[in-house]
C-alpha cells in the first residue's frame, strides 16, 4: 500500500462558496473522490510542497540532463508501443529513471493522469523537463491516437539533440581545460613569483643606488600588474563576479539576447560559422520532428523558432509564420534570409513542392550535423596552436621582463 501524502485542495459547494484545506491520501484521485463524497466540486488538487532545502535551491540552477531525458523518452516509446497501460508505464518509468528532476516530474505526471488529466496537460505542469515542443508532439499523438509513434519521434529528436550537444562539448573540452590551467598558472606567476623578483630588484637598488632604480618598461608593467592583483584582489574578485552577474542579467533581456546572438554569429576564426551550423542543425531537426509528429504547421513553425536557440533564427521563423498564415510559402522567407544558406531554401522549396518537407528537413539536419562535426574538429585543431602560442608568449614576456633588470645591473657592476 502506498504511503499517504499530504495534498492541498480548493473546492466549491453547490451554493458557490469556495473552500481550501489539506487532506492526506494515497493519490490525487483519492482526494478528488473524498471531496466528491462530501458533495463538493473540485477546483484544484496539488501535492503539498515541502520546506525549501539547500539542495533544492541549487537544483533551480541545474539544467536537465539531456542524455537522461533521451533515455526516458526512448523507454517511454518502447513501453507504450508494447501495449502497456499508461499508468503502469509511468509508474515503471518513475522507478527506473535515474535523474531526480525527471523522476519527480514523472511522479507528478502520473498523479495528474491518475486524477483524470491528459498526458500533455500533466506534462505542462513541469515545463523545465518537458518543453513546449515535447508537449506539442505528445498532444498531437494523443489527438491522433498514435501516441506510441509520437513518443518514438520524440525519443529520436531528443537523442539527436543530445548527440549534437555532446559532440560540441567533447570537442571543446580539451582546449577549455588547457586554457583554464594556463590561466591559473599565469595568475600564480603574477601573484606569487613576480613579487619575489620585485623584492630582489628593491634590494639591488638599495645596494647600488648609483645605478639608478628605474626598471625597464616590460618589468614595470609586470610589477604593476602584480601589485594590482595582490593589493586589490578584494576589489577585483567582487568586481568580476558583479560583471558576470550584470552580463548574464543583460543577456536575459530581449535586447541583450538578440545582440549577443548576433555577435556570436560574427565571431572570427570560424567560430561564428560553427555556431550558425549548430543553430541550423537544431532548427532543421526540430522542424522535421514537429512536422513528422503531426503538429499543425503554424504551431510547428512557431515552436521551431522558439526552440532554435538563436534569436536570428527565431526572427526568421516569425517571417515564415506570417508568410504561411497569409497563404504564402515556407521557402520564400527562408530563401530571403541571410541566416539560411541557399541550399536550405532550395531543399525546403523542393520539399514543399513534392510533399516531402519532413524528409528534406531531415536531410538538412543530417548534413549540418555532419558539418558541425567536421567544423568543430577543424576549429579545435586551429585553437590549440593559437592558444599554445598565446600562453607561451605571455610566459616568455614575463620571464624576459623579470631578467632584464638583472642583466642591466650585472653589466653596470662589471
Protein backbone atom coordinates (compact mmCIF):
# COMPACT_ATOMS: atom_id res chain seq x y z
CA UNK A 1 0.00 0.00 0.00
CA UNK A 2 1.36 3.41 -0.99
CA UNK A 3 2.31 5.84 1.76
CA UNK A 4 -0.10 8.66 2.42
CA UNK A 5 0.82 12.08 1.05
CA UNK A 6 -0.49 15.47 2.10
CA UNK A 7 -2.44 17.29 -0.64
CA UNK A 8 -3.83 20.81 -0.69
CA UNK A 9 -7.16 21.41 -2.38
CA UNK A 10 -9.63 24.07 -3.42
CA UNK A 11 -13.29 23.14 -3.80
CA UNK A 12 -16.72 24.73 -4.17
CA UNK A 13 -20.08 23.69 -2.75
CA UNK A 14 -23.47 23.85 -4.50
CA UNK A 15 -24.05 27.37 -3.15
CA UNK A 16 -20.87 28.59 -4.87
CA UNK A 17 -18.83 29.04 -1.70
CA UNK A 18 -15.17 28.12 -2.17
CA UNK A 19 -13.07 26.44 0.47
CA UNK A 20 -9.49 25.24 0.79
CA UNK A 21 -7.68 22.78 3.01
CA UNK A 22 -5.41 19.78 3.26
CA UNK A 23 -6.03 16.04 3.07
CA UNK A 24 -3.81 13.00 3.46
CA UNK A 25 -4.36 10.39 0.76
CA UNK A 26 -2.55 7.93 -1.46
CA UNK A 27 -3.15 9.90 -4.66
CA UNK A 28 -4.92 12.90 -6.17
CA UNK A 29 -7.69 10.61 -7.33
CA UNK A 30 -8.38 9.61 -3.70
CA UNK A 31 -8.57 13.26 -2.65
CA UNK A 32 -10.94 14.02 -5.52
CA UNK A 33 -13.18 11.09 -4.56
CA UNK A 34 -13.28 12.12 -0.88
CA UNK A 35 -14.28 15.67 -1.80
CA UNK A 36 -16.98 14.47 -4.18
CA UNK A 37 -18.43 12.27 -1.45
CA UNK A 38 -18.77 15.44 0.62
CA UNK A 39 -20.78 17.00 -2.21
CA UNK A 40 -18.02 19.41 -3.23
CA UNK A 41 -16.95 20.40 -6.72
CA UNK A 42 -13.17 20.01 -7.00
CA UNK A 43 -11.35 23.06 -8.37
CA UNK A 44 -7.73 22.12 -7.80
CA UNK A 45 -5.70 19.41 -6.06
CA UNK A 46 -1.92 19.54 -5.69
CA UNK A 47 0.70 17.87 -3.56
CA UNK A 48 1.79 19.97 -0.61
CA UNK A 49 5.24 21.47 -1.12
CA UNK A 50 7.96 20.53 1.34
CA UNK A 51 10.06 23.24 3.01
CA UNK A 52 12.81 24.59 0.77
CA UNK A 53 16.07 22.70 1.21
CA UNK A 54 19.58 23.80 0.29
CA UNK A 55 19.91 21.13 -2.39
CA UNK A 56 16.58 22.19 -3.89
CA UNK A 57 17.86 25.77 -4.14
CA UNK A 58 20.86 24.69 -6.21
CA UNK A 59 18.70 22.43 -8.38
CA UNK A 60 16.93 25.55 -9.66
CA UNK A 61 20.13 26.49 -11.47
CA UNK A 62 20.83 22.96 -12.66
CA UNK A 63 19.69 22.06 -16.15
CA UNK A 64 18.07 18.83 -17.20
CA UNK A 65 20.47 16.07 -18.27
CA UNK A 66 19.52 15.65 -21.92
CA UNK A 67 21.05 12.17 -22.02
CA UNK A 68 18.74 11.04 -19.20
CA UNK A 69 15.79 12.72 -20.93
CA UNK A 70 16.70 10.88 -24.15
CA UNK A 71 16.81 7.56 -22.28
CA UNK A 72 13.48 8.35 -20.60
CA UNK A 73 11.87 9.22 -23.96
CA UNK A 74 13.12 6.04 -25.62
CA UNK A 75 11.91 3.89 -22.71
CA UNK A 76 8.54 5.67 -22.77
CA UNK A 77 8.21 4.99 -26.51
CA UNK A 78 9.14 1.32 -26.04
CA UNK A 79 6.72 0.72 -23.18
CA UNK A 80 3.83 2.48 -24.94
CA UNK A 81 4.40 0.57 -28.19
CA UNK A 82 4.43 -2.72 -26.24
CA UNK A 83 0.82 -2.09 -25.19
CA UNK A 84 1.50 -1.39 -21.52
CA UNK A 85 -1.24 0.76 -19.87
CA UNK A 86 -0.34 4.41 -19.38
CA UNK A 87 -0.37 4.46 -15.57
CA UNK A 88 1.73 1.34 -15.34
CA UNK A 89 4.15 2.80 -17.91
CA UNK A 90 4.55 6.00 -15.89
CA UNK A 91 4.99 4.02 -12.68
CA UNK A 92 7.70 1.89 -14.30
CA UNK A 93 9.49 4.95 -15.65
CA UNK A 94 9.30 6.65 -12.26
CA UNK A 95 11.01 3.67 -10.63
CA UNK A 96 13.88 3.28 -13.09
CA UNK A 97 14.66 6.90 -14.03
CA UNK A 98 17.99 7.96 -12.50
CA UNK A 99 17.73 11.75 -12.79
CA UNK A 100 15.97 13.16 -9.72
CA UNK A 101 14.34 16.06 -11.56
CA UNK A 102 12.91 13.80 -14.25
CA UNK A 103 11.80 11.28 -11.61
CA UNK A 104 9.93 13.98 -9.69
CA UNK A 105 8.32 15.25 -12.89
CA UNK A 106 7.21 11.74 -13.89
CA UNK A 107 5.72 11.21 -10.42
CA UNK A 108 3.73 14.42 -10.81
CA UNK A 109 2.58 13.44 -14.30
CA UNK A 110 1.48 10.02 -13.06
CA UNK A 111 -0.56 11.58 -10.25
CA UNK A 112 -2.25 14.03 -12.62
CA UNK A 113 -3.04 11.33 -15.20
CA UNK A 114 -4.41 9.15 -12.42
CA UNK A 115 -6.68 12.04 -11.44
CA UNK A 116 -8.05 12.20 -14.99
CA UNK A 117 -5.73 14.69 -16.69
CA UNK A 118 -4.42 14.24 -20.22
CA UNK A 119 -0.75 13.39 -20.61
CA UNK A 120 0.04 16.72 -22.31
CA UNK A 121 -1.79 18.75 -19.64
CA UNK A 122 0.03 16.83 -16.90
CA UNK A 123 3.40 17.50 -18.55
CA UNK A 124 2.55 21.19 -18.81
CA UNK A 125 2.98 21.44 -15.03
CA UNK A 126 6.67 20.55 -15.49
CA UNK A 127 7.93 22.88 -18.25
CA UNK A 128 11.55 22.61 -17.14
CA UNK A 129 11.60 18.89 -18.04
CA UNK A 130 9.03 18.79 -20.85
CA UNK A 131 9.43 21.84 -23.09
CA UNK A 132 6.76 23.21 -25.45
CA UNK A 133 7.93 21.13 -28.40
CA UNK A 134 7.89 17.94 -26.34
CA UNK A 135 4.35 18.67 -25.14
CA UNK A 136 3.11 19.67 -28.60
CA UNK A 137 4.28 16.37 -30.05
CA UNK A 138 2.63 14.48 -27.18
CA UNK A 139 -0.62 16.38 -27.72
CA UNK A 140 -0.54 15.58 -31.43
CA UNK A 141 -0.05 11.90 -30.63
CA UNK A 142 -2.90 11.89 -28.12
CA UNK A 143 -5.29 13.62 -30.52
CA UNK A 144 -4.44 11.35 -33.46
CA UNK A 145 -4.46 8.16 -31.39
CA UNK A 146 -0.83 7.47 -32.35
CA UNK A 147 0.91 8.33 -29.11
CA UNK A 148 3.43 5.50 -29.48
CA UNK A 149 4.60 6.93 -32.84
CA UNK A 150 4.86 10.43 -31.39
CA UNK A 151 6.87 9.17 -28.42
CA UNK A 152 9.18 7.33 -30.80
CA UNK A 153 9.75 10.56 -32.77
CA UNK A 154 10.28 12.49 -29.54
CA UNK A 155 12.87 9.94 -28.43
CA UNK A 156 14.68 10.26 -31.76
CA UNK A 157 14.50 14.06 -31.56
CA UNK A 158 15.92 14.22 -28.02
CA UNK A 159 18.65 11.69 -28.83
CA UNK A 160 19.80 13.70 -31.86
CA UNK A 161 19.74 16.94 -29.86
CA UNK A 162 21.77 15.32 -27.08
CA UNK A 163 24.27 13.87 -29.58
CA UNK A 164 24.81 17.31 -31.14
CA UNK A 165 25.31 18.96 -27.76
CA UNK A 166 27.75 16.30 -26.56
CA UNK A 167 29.61 16.40 -29.86
CA UNK A 168 30.37 20.10 -29.46
CA UNK A 169 31.16 19.83 -25.75
CA UNK A 170 33.56 16.90 -26.14
CA UNK A 171 35.45 18.62 -28.96
CA UNK A 172 35.92 21.83 -26.95
CA UNK A 173 36.67 20.16 -23.62
CA UNK A 174 40.44 19.79 -24.15
CA UNK A 175 41.06 23.40 -25.28
CA UNK A 176 38.93 24.66 -22.38
CA UNK A 177 40.91 22.61 -19.85
CA UNK A 178 44.25 23.76 -21.28
CA UNK A 179 43.15 27.39 -21.28
CA UNK A 180 41.83 27.12 -17.72
CA UNK A 181 45.04 25.52 -16.46
CA UNK A 182 47.17 28.12 -18.26
CA UNK A 183 45.11 30.93 -16.73
CA UNK A 184 45.62 29.53 -13.22
CA UNK A 185 49.39 29.21 -13.83
CA UNK A 186 49.62 32.80 -15.11
CA UNK A 187 47.70 34.13 -12.11
CA UNK A 188 50.01 32.17 -9.79
CA UNK A 189 53.10 33.62 -11.51
CA UNK A 190 51.79 37.18 -11.31
CA UNK A 191 50.59 36.82 -7.70
CA UNK A 192 53.49 34.85 -6.15
CA UNK A 193 56.57 34.77 -8.40
CA UNK A 194 56.78 38.35 -9.61
CA UNK A 195 56.62 39.80 -6.03
CA UNK A 196 59.77 37.78 -5.21
CA UNK A 197 61.61 39.31 -8.14
CA UNK A 198 60.27 42.75 -7.21
CA UNK A 199 61.80 42.33 -3.73
CA UNK A 200 65.14 41.36 -5.30
CA UNK A 201 65.04 44.46 -7.51
CA UNK A 202 64.43 46.68 -4.48
CA UNK A 203 67.39 45.14 -2.62
CA UNK A 204 69.66 45.59 -5.62
CA UNK A 205 68.53 49.20 -5.97
CA UNK A 206 69.37 49.85 -2.30
CA UNK A 207 72.80 48.20 -2.59
CA UNK A 208 73.69 50.05 -5.80
CA UNK A 209 71.87 53.39 -5.69
CA UNK A 210 74.38 54.88 -8.09
CA UNK A 211 72.99 52.68 -10.89
CA UNK A 212 69.50 54.17 -10.59
CA UNK A 213 66.28 52.46 -9.60
CA UNK A 214 64.37 52.81 -12.84
CA UNK A 215 63.08 49.47 -14.09
CA UNK A 216 62.67 48.65 -17.79
CA UNK A 217 59.17 49.24 -19.14
CA UNK A 218 58.27 45.50 -19.51
CA UNK A 219 59.41 44.85 -15.95
CA UNK A 220 57.49 47.82 -14.61
CA UNK A 221 54.37 46.57 -16.41
CA UNK A 222 54.63 43.12 -14.82
CA UNK A 223 55.32 44.53 -11.35
CA UNK A 224 52.36 46.93 -11.64
CA UNK A 225 50.07 44.05 -12.68
CA UNK A 226 51.30 42.03 -9.71
CA UNK A 227 50.75 44.95 -7.31
CA UNK A 228 47.21 45.44 -8.58
CA UNK A 229 46.38 41.73 -8.32
CA UNK A 230 47.86 41.25 -4.83
CA UNK A 231 46.89 44.63 -3.41
CA UNK A 232 43.35 44.95 -4.74
CA UNK A 233 42.16 41.36 -5.00
CA UNK A 234 39.30 42.16 -2.60
CA UNK A 235 38.03 44.63 -5.23
CA UNK A 236 38.88 42.64 -8.35
CA UNK A 237 37.13 39.41 -7.35
CA UNK A 238 33.78 41.02 -6.38
CA UNK A 239 34.11 43.23 -9.46
CA UNK A 240 34.46 40.19 -11.73
CA UNK A 241 31.53 38.46 -10.03
CA UNK A 242 29.41 41.59 -10.42
CA UNK A 243 30.45 41.94 -14.07
CA UNK A 244 29.41 38.35 -14.81
CA UNK A 245 26.13 38.85 -12.95
CA UNK A 246 25.33 42.03 -14.89
CA UNK A 247 26.29 40.38 -18.17
CA UNK A 248 24.02 37.37 -17.62
CA UNK A 249 21.16 39.61 -16.47
CA UNK A 250 21.63 41.74 -19.59
CA UNK A 251 21.77 38.63 -21.78
CA UNK A 252 18.38 37.54 -20.45
CA UNK A 253 16.74 40.74 -21.68
CA UNK A 254 15.23 40.75 -25.17
CA UNK A 255 17.66 43.34 -26.48
CA UNK A 256 20.67 41.76 -24.80
CA UNK A 257 19.77 38.28 -26.04
CA UNK A 258 19.38 39.50 -29.61
CA UNK A 259 22.66 41.46 -29.60
CA UNK A 260 24.55 38.55 -28.05
CA UNK A 261 23.19 36.02 -30.56
CA UNK A 262 24.08 38.30 -33.47
CA UNK A 263 27.55 38.89 -32.00
CA UNK A 264 28.17 35.12 -31.71
CA UNK A 265 27.42 34.66 -35.40
CA UNK A 266 30.14 37.22 -36.27
CA UNK A 267 32.91 35.72 -34.12
CA UNK A 268 36.19 35.30 -36.03
CA UNK A 269 38.31 32.16 -36.61
CA UNK A 270 35.30 30.23 -37.96
CA UNK A 271 33.66 30.23 -34.50
CA UNK A 272 30.65 32.14 -35.81
CA UNK A 273 30.36 29.69 -38.69
CA UNK A 274 30.22 26.75 -36.29
CA UNK A 275 27.58 28.50 -34.15
CA UNK A 276 25.47 29.13 -37.25
CA UNK A 277 25.68 25.48 -38.34
CA UNK A 278 24.76 24.27 -34.84
CA UNK A 279 21.68 26.54 -34.91
CA UNK A 280 20.71 25.30 -38.40
CA UNK A 281 21.15 21.65 -37.40
CA UNK A 282 18.96 22.15 -34.34
CA UNK A 283 16.40 24.15 -36.34
CA UNK A 284 16.02 21.59 -39.13
CA UNK A 285 15.90 18.63 -36.75
CA UNK A 286 13.25 20.32 -34.60
CA UNK A 287 11.20 21.38 -37.63
CA UNK A 288 11.37 17.87 -39.09
CA UNK A 289 10.31 16.32 -35.78
CA UNK A 290 7.36 18.69 -35.42
CA UNK A 291 6.11 18.03 -38.95
CA UNK A 292 6.53 14.25 -38.66
CA UNK A 293 4.64 14.21 -35.34
CA UNK A 294 1.62 15.85 -36.96
CA UNK A 295 1.90 19.18 -35.16
CA UNK A 296 -0.17 21.81 -37.07
CA UNK A 297 2.10 23.72 -39.44
CA UNK A 298 1.68 27.19 -37.92
CA UNK A 299 2.28 25.81 -34.45
CA UNK A 300 5.28 23.80 -35.69
CA UNK A 301 6.79 26.95 -37.22
CA UNK A 302 6.28 28.91 -34.01
CA UNK A 303 7.70 26.14 -31.81
CA UNK A 304 10.69 25.65 -34.10
CA UNK A 305 11.58 29.32 -33.89
CA UNK A 306 11.24 29.43 -30.11
CA UNK A 307 13.40 26.32 -29.59
CA UNK A 308 16.07 27.09 -32.21
CA UNK A 309 18.39 28.58 -29.60
CA UNK A 310 19.20 31.70 -31.63
CA UNK A 311 17.18 34.92 -31.90
CA UNK A 312 18.17 35.42 -35.54
CA UNK A 313 16.65 32.07 -36.49
CA UNK A 314 13.60 32.82 -34.34
CA UNK A 315 13.03 36.12 -36.14
CA UNK A 316 13.40 34.34 -39.48
CA UNK A 317 10.72 31.85 -38.41
CA UNK A 318 8.46 34.76 -37.47
CA UNK A 319 8.66 35.82 -41.12
CA UNK A 320 7.87 32.25 -42.19
CA UNK A 321 4.90 32.22 -39.80
CA UNK A 322 3.47 35.41 -41.30
CA UNK A 323 4.03 34.09 -44.81
CA UNK A 324 2.23 30.77 -44.20
CA UNK A 325 -0.53 32.49 -42.23
CA UNK A 326 -1.29 34.72 -45.21
CA UNK A 327 -1.24 31.81 -47.65
CA UNK A 328 2.39 32.08 -48.77
CA UNK A 329 5.16 29.50 -48.83
CA UNK A 330 7.64 28.35 -46.22
CA UNK A 331 10.62 28.53 -48.55
CA UNK A 332 10.13 32.16 -49.64
CA UNK A 333 11.16 33.89 -46.38
CA UNK A 334 13.87 31.28 -45.82
CA UNK A 335 15.46 31.99 -49.22
CA UNK A 336 15.44 35.72 -48.48
CA UNK A 337 17.03 35.47 -45.03
CA UNK A 338 20.84 35.53 -44.80
CA UNK A 339 20.97 33.16 -41.82
CA UNK A 340 19.94 30.31 -44.13
CA UNK A 341 22.40 29.24 -46.88
CA UNK A 342 20.89 28.96 -50.40
CA UNK A 343 20.91 25.15 -50.19
CA UNK A 344 18.44 25.23 -47.29
CA UNK A 345 15.94 27.40 -49.16
CA UNK A 346 16.12 25.22 -52.29
CA UNK A 347 15.66 21.97 -50.35
CA UNK A 348 12.71 23.36 -48.39
CA UNK A 349 11.15 24.56 -51.66
CA UNK A 350 11.55 21.08 -53.17
CA UNK A 351 10.06 19.54 -50.03
CA UNK A 352 7.02 21.79 -50.28
CA UNK A 353 6.51 21.10 -53.97
CA UNK A 354 6.82 17.31 -53.64
CA UNK A 355 5.04 16.95 -50.30
CA UNK A 356 8.24 15.63 -48.68
CA UNK A 357 9.03 18.55 -46.39
CA UNK A 358 9.76 16.28 -43.42
CA UNK A 359 12.21 14.20 -45.50
CA UNK A 360 14.03 17.27 -46.82
CA UNK A 361 14.30 18.82 -43.36
CA UNK A 362 15.74 15.57 -42.02
CA UNK A 363 18.31 15.59 -44.84
CA UNK A 364 19.24 19.18 -43.98
CA UNK A 365 19.64 18.18 -40.30
CA UNK A 366 21.86 15.21 -41.22
CA UNK A 367 24.02 17.43 -43.44
CA UNK A 368 24.55 20.15 -40.87
CA UNK A 369 25.17 17.71 -38.04
CA UNK A 370 27.97 16.21 -40.14
CA UNK A 371 29.18 19.74 -40.94
CA UNK A 372 29.25 20.62 -37.25
CA UNK A 373 31.35 17.53 -36.53
CA UNK A 374 33.88 18.44 -39.24
CA UNK A 375 33.94 22.17 -38.41
CA UNK A 376 34.35 21.62 -34.66
CA UNK A 377 37.30 19.28 -35.24
CA UNK A 378 38.89 21.82 -37.58
CA UNK A 379 38.23 24.61 -35.08
CA UNK A 380 39.80 22.57 -32.28
CA UNK A 381 42.87 21.92 -34.41
CA UNK A 382 43.12 25.68 -35.05
CA UNK A 383 42.53 26.82 -31.47
CA UNK A 384 45.15 24.57 -29.84
CA UNK A 385 48.26 26.03 -31.54
CA UNK A 386 46.92 29.58 -31.21
CA UNK A 387 46.37 29.03 -27.51
CA UNK A 388 49.83 27.50 -27.04
CA UNK A 389 51.49 30.43 -28.83
CA UNK A 390 49.43 32.94 -26.85
CA UNK A 391 50.16 31.41 -23.44
CA UNK A 392 53.81 30.78 -24.33
CA UNK A 393 54.16 34.37 -25.49
CA UNK A 394 52.83 35.74 -22.20
CA UNK A 395 55.06 33.45 -20.11
CA UNK A 396 58.07 34.36 -22.27
CA UNK A 397 57.30 38.06 -21.89
CA UNK A 398 57.15 37.71 -18.09
CA UNK A 399 60.43 35.76 -17.95
CA UNK A 400 62.25 38.30 -20.13
CA UNK A 401 60.76 41.20 -18.16
CA UNK A 402 61.97 39.70 -14.88
CA UNK A 403 65.53 39.13 -16.06
CA UNK A 404 66.05 42.42 -17.91
CA UNK A 405 66.90 44.44 -14.74
CA UNK A 406 69.35 41.74 -13.59
CA UNK A 407 71.21 41.85 -16.89
CA UNK A 408 71.34 45.64 -16.75
CA UNK A 409 72.62 45.74 -13.16
CA UNK A 410 75.13 42.99 -13.88
CA UNK A 411 76.54 44.87 -16.86
CA UNK A 412 76.86 48.08 -14.85
CA UNK A 413 78.54 46.33 -11.93
CA UNK A 414 81.01 44.60 -14.23
